[in-house]
Amino acid sequence: MPPDNRGQIIGRVDVSEPASISSGIAARYATAIFEISKEGKSLKKLEENISDLDAALADSADLRDLISSPVVSRADQGAAIAAIGKQMGLESVLQNGLGLMAEKRRLFVLPQLVAQLQAMIAEDKGEMTADVTSAKALTKAQSDKLAKTLKTRMGKSIKINATVDESLIGGLVVKVGSKMIDTSIRSRLNSLQNAMKEVG
């Protein structure tokens, strides 16, 4: 009879839940944090905190490891996220939300939480966020011109969230809500390649 290993896996958490489940979990926390901040008239501070958290997630591999590691205990995750929150000067509602997420082993949805809070704050301000990927970093003039063009097209103020992907070769990929505009050279080359396959 094989040895009973059940005791060894108790307490482990499967952090590979489908994206839709992660998104649903993040939405519940984001809604609560947003509504409490709005009631407390502290949305501006929350927006700054979320921007700082977003930058920290992008810059720190240690933070990304902390929130996704099934090996780190709830207590250690909670203590670490509390220390990070204190150091970053996070609003108490956000700090408490992150503490609860650590306690429930839900910190792995932090990137989705950040994205959902950014979208909620933008919507509250009558703005939309455009995720813009370009082969080279956009200049301020290019970014402003793109925001103005998108505002005319979408009828709302547009906040540009720019990233660089050199594999695009040139052009842009712009995503606003469910709409996507792909003018990248990579996309055109792929289309040309597909057309050549059909011909040949």
N, C-alpha and C. Protein backbone atom coordinates (compact mmCIF):
# COMPACT_ATOMS: atom_id res chain seq x y z
N MET A 1 0.85 -1.19 0.00
CA MET A 1 0.00 0.00 0.00
C MET A 1 0.89 1.25 0.00
N PRO A 2 0.64 2.22 -0.91
CA PRO A 2 1.50 3.40 -0.98
C PRO A 2 1.36 4.25 0.27
N PRO A 3 2.43 4.97 0.65
CA PRO A 3 2.35 5.80 1.85
C PRO A 3 1.30 6.90 1.70
N ASP A 4 0.69 7.26 2.80
CA ASP A 4 -0.35 8.30 2.79
C ASP A 4 0.32 9.67 2.82
N ASN A 5 0.27 10.38 1.68
CA ASN A 5 0.92 11.69 1.58
C ASN A 5 -0.04 12.86 1.77
N ARG A 6 -1.29 12.54 2.13
CA ARG A 6 -2.27 13.62 2.19
C ARG A 6 -1.88 14.73 3.14
N GLY A 7 -1.28 14.37 4.26
CA GLY A 7 -0.89 15.38 5.25
C GLY A 7 0.11 16.37 4.71
N GLN A 8 0.89 15.96 3.72
CA GLN A 8 1.93 16.84 3.18
C GLN A 8 1.37 17.91 2.26
N ILE A 9 0.20 17.67 1.68
CA ILE A 9 -0.31 18.66 0.73
C ILE A 9 -1.39 19.56 1.33
N ILE A 10 -1.78 19.29 2.58
CA ILE A 10 -2.77 20.16 3.22
C ILE A 10 -2.15 21.54 3.39
N GLY A 11 -2.91 22.56 3.08
CA GLY A 11 -2.41 23.92 3.25
C GLY A 11 -1.76 24.48 2.00
N ARG A 12 -1.49 23.62 1.01
CA ARG A 12 -0.94 24.15 -0.25
C ARG A 12 -2.06 24.79 -1.04
N VAL A 13 -1.71 25.79 -1.81
CA VAL A 13 -2.72 26.53 -2.56
C VAL A 13 -2.41 26.43 -4.04
N ASP A 14 -3.42 26.15 -4.83
CA ASP A 14 -3.24 26.12 -6.28
C ASP A 14 -3.40 27.54 -6.80
N VAL A 15 -2.28 28.16 -7.21
CA VAL A 15 -2.35 29.54 -7.70
C VAL A 15 -2.53 29.60 -9.21
N SER A 16 -2.83 28.47 -9.82
CA SER A 16 -3.01 28.46 -11.27
C SER A 16 -4.49 28.46 -11.63
N GLU A 17 -5.31 29.15 -10.82
CA GLU A 17 -6.73 29.21 -11.13
C GLU A 17 -6.93 29.94 -12.45
N PRO A 18 -7.98 29.58 -13.18
CA PRO A 18 -8.21 30.24 -14.47
C PRO A 18 -8.33 31.75 -14.32
N ALA A 19 -7.97 32.45 -15.40
CA ALA A 19 -7.97 33.92 -15.39
C ALA A 19 -9.33 34.49 -15.01
N SER A 20 -10.41 33.84 -15.45
CA SER A 20 -11.74 34.37 -15.17
C SER A 20 -12.04 34.33 -13.67
N ILE A 21 -11.57 33.28 -12.99
CA ILE A 21 -11.77 33.17 -11.54
C ILE A 21 -10.94 34.25 -10.85
N SER A 22 -9.67 34.40 -11.28
CA SER A 22 -8.80 35.43 -10.70
C SER A 22 -9.41 36.81 -10.89
N SER A 23 -9.95 37.05 -12.07
CA SER A 23 -10.56 38.34 -12.37
C SER A 23 -11.78 38.58 -11.48
N GLY A 24 -12.56 37.53 -11.25
CA GLY A 24 -13.74 37.65 -10.39
C GLY A 24 -13.36 37.95 -8.95
N ILE A 25 -12.31 37.28 -8.46
CA ILE A 25 -11.82 37.52 -7.09
C ILE A 25 -11.34 38.96 -6.98
N ALA A 26 -10.53 39.40 -7.96
CA ALA A 26 -9.99 40.77 -7.94
C ALA A 26 -11.12 41.79 -7.98
N ALA A 27 -12.17 41.51 -8.77
CA ALA A 27 -13.29 42.45 -8.91
C ALA A 27 -13.98 42.69 -7.57
N ARG A 28 -14.15 41.63 -6.76
CA ARG A 28 -14.82 41.79 -5.46
C ARG A 28 -14.00 42.69 -4.53
N TYR A 29 -12.70 42.44 -4.46
CA TYR A 29 -11.84 43.27 -3.60
C TYR A 29 -11.77 44.71 -4.14
N ALA A 30 -11.63 44.83 -5.46
CA ALA A 30 -11.51 46.17 -6.08
C ALA A 30 -12.76 47.00 -5.82
N THR A 31 -13.93 46.37 -5.96
CA THR A 31 -15.20 47.09 -5.74
C THR A 31 -15.29 47.59 -4.31
N ALA A 32 -14.95 46.73 -3.35
CA ALA A 32 -15.02 47.12 -1.94
C ALA A 32 -14.05 48.26 -1.64
N ILE A 33 -12.80 48.13 -2.10
CA ILE A 33 -11.78 49.16 -1.85
C ILE A 33 -12.19 50.48 -2.50
N PHE A 34 -12.67 50.40 -3.75
CA PHE A 34 -13.08 51.61 -4.49
C PHE A 34 -14.23 52.32 -3.77
N GLU A 35 -15.26 51.56 -3.39
CA GLU A 35 -16.44 52.18 -2.78
C GLU A 35 -16.12 52.82 -1.43
N ILE A 36 -15.29 52.16 -0.62
CA ILE A 36 -14.90 52.72 0.68
C ILE A 36 -14.08 53.99 0.46
N SER A 37 -13.16 53.96 -0.52
CA SER A 37 -12.34 55.15 -0.81
C SER A 37 -13.20 56.30 -1.32
N LYS A 38 -14.19 55.97 -2.14
CA LYS A 38 -15.06 57.02 -2.69
C LYS A 38 -15.88 57.65 -1.57
N GLU A 39 -16.42 56.82 -0.68
CA GLU A 39 -17.18 57.33 0.46
C GLU A 39 -16.31 58.23 1.34
N GLY A 40 -15.06 57.82 1.51
CA GLY A 40 -14.12 58.59 2.34
C GLY A 40 -13.46 59.73 1.60
N LYS A 41 -13.90 59.98 0.36
CA LYS A 41 -13.36 61.05 -0.49
C LYS A 41 -11.82 60.98 -0.60
N SER A 42 -11.32 59.75 -0.76
CA SER A 42 -9.86 59.59 -0.86
C SER A 42 -9.45 58.89 -2.16
N LEU A 43 -10.25 59.08 -3.22
CA LEU A 43 -9.95 58.43 -4.50
C LEU A 43 -8.63 58.92 -5.10
N LYS A 44 -8.33 60.21 -4.91
CA LYS A 44 -7.10 60.76 -5.48
C LYS A 44 -5.88 60.06 -4.88
N LYS A 45 -5.91 59.88 -3.56
CA LYS A 45 -4.81 59.20 -2.87
C LYS A 45 -4.76 57.72 -3.29
N LEU A 46 -5.94 57.10 -3.44
CA LEU A 46 -5.99 55.71 -3.89
C LEU A 46 -5.37 55.59 -5.28
N GLU A 47 -5.68 56.54 -6.16
CA GLU A 47 -5.14 56.52 -7.52
C GLU A 47 -3.60 56.57 -7.49
N GLU A 48 -3.05 57.42 -6.62
CA GLU A 48 -1.58 57.51 -6.48
C GLU A 48 -1.02 56.18 -5.96
N ASN A 49 -1.69 55.61 -4.94
CA ASN A 49 -1.26 54.33 -4.36
C ASN A 49 -1.24 53.23 -5.41
N ILE A 50 -2.30 53.18 -6.22
CA ILE A 50 -2.43 52.13 -7.24
C ILE A 50 -1.33 52.29 -8.30
N SER A 51 -1.05 53.53 -8.66
CA SER A 51 0.02 53.80 -9.62
C SER A 51 1.37 53.33 -9.06
N ASP A 52 1.61 53.60 -7.76
CA ASP A 52 2.85 53.16 -7.11
C ASP A 52 2.94 51.64 -7.05
N LEU A 53 1.81 50.99 -6.72
CA LEU A 53 1.78 49.53 -6.65
C LEU A 53 2.04 48.91 -8.02
N ASP A 54 1.45 49.51 -9.06
CA ASP A 54 1.63 49.04 -10.43
C ASP A 54 3.11 49.10 -10.81
N ALA A 55 3.76 50.22 -10.47
CA ALA A 55 5.18 50.39 -10.76
C ALA A 55 6.02 49.38 -9.97
N ALA A 56 5.64 49.15 -8.71
CA ALA A 56 6.38 48.20 -7.86
C ALA A 56 6.27 46.78 -8.43
N LEU A 57 5.08 46.41 -8.91
CA LEU A 57 4.90 45.08 -9.50
C LEU A 57 5.73 44.92 -10.77
N ALA A 58 5.83 46.01 -11.54
CA ALA A 58 6.61 45.96 -12.78
C ALA A 58 8.11 45.88 -12.49
N ASP A 59 8.54 46.58 -11.44
CA ASP A 59 9.98 46.69 -11.15
C ASP A 59 10.55 45.60 -10.26
N SER A 60 9.72 45.01 -9.39
CA SER A 60 10.25 44.11 -8.37
C SER A 60 9.87 42.64 -8.58
N ALA A 61 10.87 41.85 -8.96
CA ALA A 61 10.64 40.40 -9.11
C ALA A 61 10.34 39.79 -7.74
N ASP A 62 10.94 40.35 -6.68
CA ASP A 62 10.70 39.83 -5.32
C ASP A 62 9.23 39.98 -4.93
N LEU A 63 8.63 41.13 -5.28
CA LEU A 63 7.22 41.36 -4.96
C LEU A 63 6.35 40.39 -5.76
N ARG A 64 6.67 40.21 -7.04
CA ARG A 64 5.89 39.27 -7.87
C ARG A 64 6.01 37.85 -7.32
N ASP A 65 7.21 37.48 -6.85
CA ASP A 65 7.41 36.14 -6.26
C ASP A 65 6.61 36.00 -4.97
N LEU A 66 6.64 37.05 -4.15
CA LEU A 66 5.94 37.03 -2.86
C LEU A 66 4.45 36.76 -3.04
N ILE A 67 3.82 37.46 -3.99
CA ILE A 67 2.36 37.34 -4.14
C ILE A 67 1.94 36.04 -4.81
N SER A 68 2.87 35.39 -5.53
CA SER A 68 2.47 34.18 -6.27
C SER A 68 3.02 32.88 -5.68
N SER A 69 3.88 32.98 -4.67
CA SER A 69 4.52 31.77 -4.13
C SER A 69 3.59 30.99 -3.21
N PRO A 70 3.38 29.70 -3.51
CA PRO A 70 2.56 28.87 -2.62
C PRO A 70 3.35 28.42 -1.38
N VAL A 71 4.67 28.67 -1.39
CA VAL A 71 5.54 28.23 -0.30
C VAL A 71 5.51 29.21 0.88
N VAL A 72 5.34 30.51 0.58
CA VAL A 72 5.32 31.53 1.63
C VAL A 72 4.02 31.40 2.43
N SER A 73 4.13 31.34 3.75
CA SER A 73 2.94 31.15 4.59
C SER A 73 2.05 32.40 4.58
N ARG A 74 0.79 32.21 4.98
CA ARG A 74 -0.15 33.34 5.07
C ARG A 74 0.41 34.43 5.98
N ALA A 75 0.94 34.00 7.13
CA ALA A 75 1.45 34.96 8.11
C ALA A 75 2.62 35.76 7.54
N ASP A 76 3.54 35.06 6.85
CA ASP A 76 4.70 35.74 6.26
C ASP A 76 4.27 36.67 5.13
N GLN A 77 3.31 36.21 4.30
CA GLN A 77 2.80 37.06 3.22
C GLN A 77 2.15 38.32 3.81
N GLY A 78 1.34 38.11 4.84
CA GLY A 78 0.65 39.23 5.49
C GLY A 78 1.62 40.23 6.08
N ALA A 79 2.65 39.72 6.79
CA ALA A 79 3.65 40.60 7.41
C ALA A 79 4.43 41.37 6.34
N ALA A 80 4.80 40.67 5.27
CA ALA A 80 5.58 41.31 4.20
C ALA A 80 4.76 42.38 3.48
N ILE A 81 3.50 42.08 3.17
CA ILE A 81 2.67 43.05 2.43
C ILE A 81 2.33 44.24 3.33
N ALA A 82 2.21 44.00 4.64
CA ALA A 82 1.96 45.10 5.59
C ALA A 82 3.17 46.03 5.64
N ALA A 83 4.37 45.44 5.67
CA ALA A 83 5.61 46.24 5.70
C ALA A 83 5.77 47.04 4.41
N ILE A 84 5.46 46.40 3.28
CA ILE A 84 5.55 47.08 1.98
C ILE A 84 4.55 48.23 1.93
N GLY A 85 3.31 47.96 2.38
CA GLY A 85 2.27 48.98 2.39
C GLY A 85 2.63 50.17 3.25
N LYS A 86 3.22 49.89 4.41
CA LYS A 86 3.62 50.96 5.33
C LYS A 86 4.73 51.80 4.70
N GLN A 87 5.70 51.12 4.10
CA GLN A 87 6.83 51.82 3.46
C GLN A 87 6.35 52.68 2.29
N MET A 88 5.34 52.20 1.55
CA MET A 88 4.82 52.94 0.40
C MET A 88 3.80 54.01 0.81
N GLY A 89 3.39 54.00 2.08
CA GLY A 89 2.40 54.98 2.55
C GLY A 89 1.02 54.74 1.96
N LEU A 90 0.61 53.46 1.85
CA LEU A 90 -0.68 53.14 1.26
C LEU A 90 -1.83 53.55 2.19
N GLU A 91 -2.94 53.96 1.58
CA GLU A 91 -4.16 54.29 2.31
C GLU A 91 -4.57 53.10 3.17
N SER A 92 -5.17 53.36 4.33
CA SER A 92 -5.54 52.27 5.24
C SER A 92 -6.51 51.29 4.59
N VAL A 93 -7.46 51.79 3.76
CA VAL A 93 -8.43 50.88 3.13
C VAL A 93 -7.71 49.91 2.18
N LEU A 94 -6.72 50.40 1.46
CA LEU A 94 -5.96 49.54 0.55
C LEU A 94 -5.08 48.58 1.35
N GLN A 95 -4.45 49.12 2.38
CA GLN A 95 -3.60 48.31 3.26
C GLN A 95 -4.41 47.16 3.88
N ASN A 96 -5.62 47.49 4.38
CA ASN A 96 -6.48 46.48 4.98
C ASN A 96 -6.94 45.45 3.95
N GLY A 97 -7.25 45.93 2.74
CA GLY A 97 -7.66 45.02 1.66
C GLY A 97 -6.55 44.03 1.32
N LEU A 98 -5.32 44.53 1.23
CA LEU A 98 -4.18 43.66 0.92
C LEU A 98 -3.93 42.67 2.05
N GLY A 99 -4.12 43.14 3.30
CA GLY A 99 -3.96 42.25 4.45
C GLY A 99 -4.97 41.11 4.42
N LEU A 100 -6.22 41.44 4.08
CA LEU A 100 -7.27 40.42 3.98
C LEU A 100 -6.97 39.45 2.83
N MET A 101 -6.47 40.00 1.71
CA MET A 101 -6.11 39.14 0.58
C MET A 101 -5.00 38.16 0.98
N ALA A 102 -4.03 38.63 1.77
CA ALA A 102 -2.95 37.75 2.23
C ALA A 102 -3.51 36.66 3.13
N GLU A 103 -4.40 37.06 4.03
CA GLU A 103 -5.01 36.12 4.97
C GLU A 103 -5.79 35.02 4.24
N LYS A 104 -6.44 35.40 3.13
CA LYS A 104 -7.26 34.45 2.36
C LYS A 104 -6.48 33.79 1.22
N ARG A 105 -5.16 34.03 1.16
CA ARG A 105 -4.31 33.48 0.09
C ARG A 105 -4.78 33.96 -1.28
N ARG A 106 -5.05 35.26 -1.39
CA ARG A 106 -5.56 35.82 -2.64
C ARG A 106 -4.63 36.90 -3.22
N LEU A 107 -3.42 37.04 -2.68
CA LEU A 107 -2.52 38.09 -3.18
C LEU A 107 -2.10 37.86 -4.63
N PHE A 108 -2.24 36.62 -5.12
CA PHE A 108 -1.83 36.35 -6.50
C PHE A 108 -2.67 37.13 -7.52
N VAL A 109 -3.84 37.67 -7.09
CA VAL A 109 -4.67 38.47 -8.02
C VAL A 109 -4.33 39.96 -7.95
N LEU A 110 -3.24 40.32 -7.26
CA LEU A 110 -2.89 41.74 -7.12
C LEU A 110 -2.77 42.48 -8.46
N PRO A 111 -2.12 41.91 -9.50
CA PRO A 111 -2.06 42.63 -10.78
C PRO A 111 -3.45 42.93 -11.35
N GLN A 112 -4.38 41.96 -11.24
CA GLN A 112 -5.75 42.19 -11.73
C GLN A 112 -6.47 43.23 -10.87
N LEU A 113 -6.22 43.20 -9.56
CA LEU A 113 -6.82 44.19 -8.65
C LEU A 113 -6.38 45.60 -9.05
N VAL A 114 -5.09 45.76 -9.30
CA VAL A 114 -4.54 47.06 -9.71
C VAL A 114 -5.21 47.53 -11.00
N ALA A 115 -5.29 46.63 -12.00
CA ALA A 115 -5.89 46.99 -13.29
C ALA A 115 -7.36 47.38 -13.13
N GLN A 116 -8.10 46.62 -12.30
CA GLN A 116 -9.53 46.91 -12.13
C GLN A 116 -9.74 48.22 -11.38
N LEU A 117 -8.92 48.49 -10.38
CA LEU A 117 -9.04 49.76 -9.66
C LEU A 117 -8.70 50.93 -10.58
N GLN A 118 -7.68 50.77 -11.42
CA GLN A 118 -7.33 51.83 -12.38
C GLN A 118 -8.52 52.12 -13.30
N ALA A 119 -9.17 51.05 -13.78
CA ALA A 119 -10.32 51.21 -14.68
C ALA A 119 -11.49 51.88 -13.96
N MET A 120 -11.76 51.49 -12.71
CA MET A 120 -12.87 52.08 -11.94
C MET A 120 -12.63 53.57 -11.67
N ILE A 121 -11.40 53.91 -11.32
CA ILE A 121 -11.07 55.31 -11.04
C ILE A 121 -11.19 56.14 -12.32
N ALA A 122 -10.68 55.60 -13.43
CA ALA A 122 -10.76 56.30 -14.72
C ALA A 122 -12.22 56.52 -15.12
N GLU A 123 -13.04 55.48 -14.94
CA GLU A 123 -14.46 55.60 -15.30
C GLU A 123 -15.15 56.65 -14.43
N ASP A 124 -14.81 56.66 -13.15
CA ASP A 124 -15.39 57.64 -12.23
C ASP A 124 -15.03 59.07 -12.65
N LYS A 125 -13.85 59.23 -13.23
CA LYS A 125 -13.39 60.55 -13.68
C LYS A 125 -13.84 60.86 -15.11
N GLY A 126 -14.60 59.93 -15.71
CA GLY A 126 -15.04 60.12 -17.09
C GLY A 126 -13.91 59.89 -18.09
N GLU A 127 -12.91 59.11 -17.68
CA GLU A 127 -11.77 58.81 -18.54
C GLU A 127 -11.81 57.35 -18.98
N MET A 128 -11.05 57.07 -20.02
CA MET A 128 -10.81 55.69 -20.43
C MET A 128 -9.31 55.52 -20.52
N THR A 129 -8.84 54.30 -20.31
CA THR A 129 -7.41 54.04 -20.44
C THR A 129 -7.16 53.33 -21.77
N ALA A 130 -6.18 53.83 -22.50
CA ALA A 130 -5.77 53.18 -23.75
C ALA A 130 -4.42 52.51 -23.50
N ASP A 131 -4.37 51.19 -23.69
CA ASP A 131 -3.10 50.47 -23.59
C ASP A 131 -2.43 50.56 -24.96
N VAL A 132 -1.32 51.28 -25.01
CA VAL A 132 -0.64 51.52 -26.28
C VAL A 132 0.73 50.85 -26.26
N THR A 133 0.95 49.96 -27.23
CA THR A 133 2.24 49.29 -27.35
C THR A 133 2.89 49.77 -28.64
N SER A 134 4.14 50.22 -28.52
CA SER A 134 4.85 50.72 -29.70
C SER A 134 6.25 50.11 -29.75
N ALA A 135 6.85 50.15 -30.95
CA ALA A 135 8.19 49.58 -31.12
C ALA A 135 9.25 50.43 -30.41
N LYS A 136 9.01 51.75 -30.34
CA LYS A 136 9.90 52.67 -29.62
C LYS A 136 9.05 53.50 -28.67
N ALA A 137 9.66 53.99 -27.59
CA ALA A 137 8.91 54.80 -26.63
C ALA A 137 8.32 56.03 -27.31
N LEU A 138 7.06 56.34 -26.99
CA LEU A 138 6.41 57.52 -27.56
C LEU A 138 6.95 58.78 -26.90
N THR A 139 7.08 59.84 -27.68
CA THR A 139 7.44 61.14 -27.10
C THR A 139 6.19 61.71 -26.45
N LYS A 140 6.35 62.74 -25.62
CA LYS A 140 5.19 63.37 -24.98
C LYS A 140 4.25 63.93 -26.05
N ALA A 141 4.82 64.54 -27.09
CA ALA A 141 4.00 65.12 -28.17
C ALA A 141 3.18 64.04 -28.87
N GLN A 142 3.82 62.88 -29.16
CA GLN A 142 3.10 61.77 -29.81
C GLN A 142 2.00 61.23 -28.92
N SER A 143 2.31 61.08 -27.63
CA SER A 143 1.35 60.56 -26.67
C SER A 143 0.14 61.50 -26.55
N ASP A 144 0.41 62.81 -26.47
CA ASP A 144 -0.66 63.81 -26.37
C ASP A 144 -1.53 63.82 -27.62
N LYS A 145 -0.88 63.72 -28.79
CA LYS A 145 -1.62 63.73 -30.06
C LYS A 145 -2.51 62.49 -30.17
N LEU A 146 -1.97 61.34 -29.75
CA LEU A 146 -2.74 60.09 -29.78
C LEU A 146 -3.94 60.18 -28.83
N ALA A 147 -3.71 60.72 -27.63
CA ALA A 147 -4.79 60.87 -26.64
C ALA A 147 -5.90 61.77 -27.19
N LYS A 148 -5.50 62.84 -27.89
CA LYS A 148 -6.47 63.78 -28.47
C LYS A 148 -7.29 63.10 -29.58
N THR A 149 -6.60 62.34 -30.44
CA THR A 149 -7.27 61.62 -31.53
C THR A 149 -8.26 60.60 -30.97
N LEU A 150 -7.82 59.86 -29.95
CA LEU A 150 -8.68 58.83 -29.34
C LEU A 150 -9.87 59.47 -28.62
N LYS A 151 -9.64 60.64 -28.01
CA LYS A 151 -10.74 61.34 -27.32
C LYS A 151 -11.83 61.71 -28.32
N THR A 152 -11.41 62.20 -29.50
CA THR A 152 -12.36 62.55 -30.55
C THR A 152 -13.15 61.32 -30.99
N ARG A 153 -12.45 60.21 -31.11
CA ARG A 153 -13.07 58.97 -31.59
C ARG A 153 -13.97 58.31 -30.54
N MET A 154 -13.52 58.33 -29.26
CA MET A 154 -14.25 57.61 -28.21
C MET A 154 -15.24 58.50 -27.45
N GLY A 155 -15.05 59.82 -27.54
CA GLY A 155 -15.95 60.74 -26.83
C GLY A 155 -15.67 60.85 -25.34
N LYS A 156 -14.50 60.39 -24.90
CA LYS A 156 -14.10 60.48 -23.49
C LYS A 156 -12.64 60.85 -23.41
N SER A 157 -12.25 61.42 -22.26
CA SER A 157 -10.83 61.69 -22.03
C SER A 157 -10.09 60.36 -22.00
N ILE A 158 -8.91 60.34 -22.58
CA ILE A 158 -8.13 59.11 -22.67
C ILE A 158 -6.82 59.26 -21.92
N LYS A 159 -6.55 58.28 -21.06
CA LYS A 159 -5.27 58.21 -20.36
C LYS A 159 -4.44 57.15 -21.07
N ILE A 160 -3.24 57.51 -21.49
CA ILE A 160 -2.38 56.58 -22.24
C ILE A 160 -1.52 55.76 -21.27
N ASN A 161 -1.62 54.43 -21.42
CA ASN A 161 -0.76 53.51 -20.66
C ASN A 161 0.19 52.90 -21.68
N ALA A 162 1.40 53.47 -21.80
CA ALA A 162 2.31 53.10 -22.88
C ALA A 162 3.32 52.04 -22.47
N THR A 163 3.55 51.07 -23.37
CA THR A 163 4.61 50.08 -23.18
C THR A 163 5.36 49.93 -24.50
N VAL A 164 6.58 49.41 -24.42
CA VAL A 164 7.41 49.24 -25.61
C VAL A 164 7.59 47.75 -25.89
N ASP A 165 7.41 47.37 -27.17
CA ASP A 165 7.66 46.00 -27.61
C ASP A 165 8.39 46.09 -28.95
N GLU A 166 9.71 45.91 -28.92
CA GLU A 166 10.52 46.10 -30.13
C GLU A 166 10.16 45.11 -31.23
N SER A 167 9.51 43.98 -30.87
CA SER A 167 9.16 42.98 -31.89
C SER A 167 8.08 43.49 -32.85
N LEU A 168 7.44 44.62 -32.51
CA LEU A 168 6.43 45.19 -33.42
C LEU A 168 7.08 45.78 -34.67
N ILE A 169 8.38 46.06 -34.60
CA ILE A 169 9.20 46.64 -35.67
C ILE A 169 8.87 48.12 -35.86
N GLY A 170 7.61 48.45 -36.01
CA GLY A 170 7.16 49.84 -36.16
C GLY A 170 5.66 49.89 -35.98
N GLY A 171 5.09 51.09 -35.91
CA GLY A 171 3.64 51.22 -35.76
C GLY A 171 3.20 51.06 -34.32
N LEU A 172 1.88 50.88 -34.13
CA LEU A 172 1.29 50.83 -32.79
C LEU A 172 0.25 49.72 -32.69
N VAL A 173 0.04 49.26 -31.45
CA VAL A 173 -1.13 48.45 -31.12
C VAL A 173 -1.83 49.22 -30.01
N VAL A 174 -3.09 49.61 -30.28
CA VAL A 174 -3.85 50.41 -29.31
C VAL A 174 -5.07 49.61 -28.89
N LYS A 175 -5.24 49.45 -27.56
CA LYS A 175 -6.40 48.73 -27.03
C LYS A 175 -7.14 49.66 -26.08
N VAL A 176 -8.41 49.94 -26.41
CA VAL A 176 -9.26 50.76 -25.54
C VAL A 176 -10.52 49.94 -25.27
N GLY A 177 -10.69 49.52 -24.02
CA GLY A 177 -11.82 48.65 -23.70
C GLY A 177 -11.73 47.37 -24.50
N SER A 178 -12.79 47.05 -25.25
CA SER A 178 -12.78 45.81 -26.04
C SER A 178 -12.31 46.05 -27.48
N LYS A 179 -12.01 47.31 -27.82
CA LYS A 179 -11.56 47.63 -29.19
C LYS A 179 -10.04 47.58 -29.29
N MET A 180 -9.55 47.03 -30.41
CA MET A 180 -8.11 46.98 -30.63
C MET A 180 -7.79 47.43 -32.04
N ILE A 181 -6.80 48.31 -32.15
CA ILE A 181 -6.33 48.79 -33.45
C ILE A 181 -4.87 48.37 -33.56
N ASP A 182 -4.55 47.57 -34.57
CA ASP A 182 -3.18 47.08 -34.73
C ASP A 182 -2.61 47.60 -36.05
N THR A 183 -1.74 48.61 -35.97
CA THR A 183 -1.11 49.17 -37.17
C THR A 183 0.38 48.82 -37.21
N SER A 184 0.76 47.79 -36.44
CA SER A 184 2.18 47.44 -36.36
C SER A 184 2.67 46.81 -37.66
N ILE A 185 3.95 46.99 -37.93
CA ILE A 185 4.56 46.38 -39.12
C ILE A 185 4.55 44.86 -38.98
N ARG A 186 4.74 44.37 -37.74
CA ARG A 186 4.69 42.92 -37.51
C ARG A 186 3.34 42.35 -37.97
N SER A 187 2.26 43.05 -37.63
CA SER A 187 0.92 42.60 -38.01
C SER A 187 0.77 42.59 -39.54
N ARG A 188 1.29 43.64 -40.18
CA ARG A 188 1.19 43.71 -41.65
C ARG A 188 2.00 42.59 -42.31
N LEU A 189 3.19 42.32 -41.75
CA LEU A 189 4.03 41.24 -42.29
C LEU A 189 3.34 39.88 -42.13
N ASN A 190 2.68 39.69 -40.96
CA ASN A 190 1.95 38.43 -40.73
C ASN A 190 0.81 38.28 -41.74
N SER A 191 0.09 39.39 -42.00
CA SER A 191 -1.00 39.36 -42.98
C SER A 191 -0.47 39.03 -44.37
N LEU A 192 0.67 39.65 -44.72
CA LEU A 192 1.29 39.40 -46.02
C LEU A 192 1.72 37.94 -46.14
N GLN A 193 2.30 37.42 -45.04
CA GLN A 193 2.76 36.03 -45.03
C GLN A 193 1.57 35.08 -45.23
N ASN A 194 0.45 35.37 -44.56
CA ASN A 194 -0.74 34.53 -44.71
C ASN A 194 -1.29 34.60 -46.14
N ALA A 195 -1.26 35.81 -46.72
CA ALA A 195 -1.73 35.97 -48.10
C ALA A 195 -0.84 35.19 -49.07
N MET A 196 0.48 35.20 -48.81
CA MET A 196 1.42 34.47 -49.68
C MET A 196 1.17 32.96 -49.59
N LYS A 197 0.83 32.47 -48.39
CA LYS A 197 0.55 31.04 -48.21
C LYS A 197 -0.65 30.63 -49.05
N GLU A 198 -1.67 31.50 -49.06
CA GLU A 198 -2.89 31.20 -49.82
C GLU A 198 -2.60 31.17 -51.32
N VAL A 199 -1.73 32.08 -51.78
CA VAL A 199 -1.39 32.15 -53.20
C VAL A 199 -0.53 30.96 -53.60
N GLY A 200 0.50 30.68 -52.75
CA GLY A 200 1.48 29.65 -53.10
C GLY A 200 1.00 28.28 -52.79
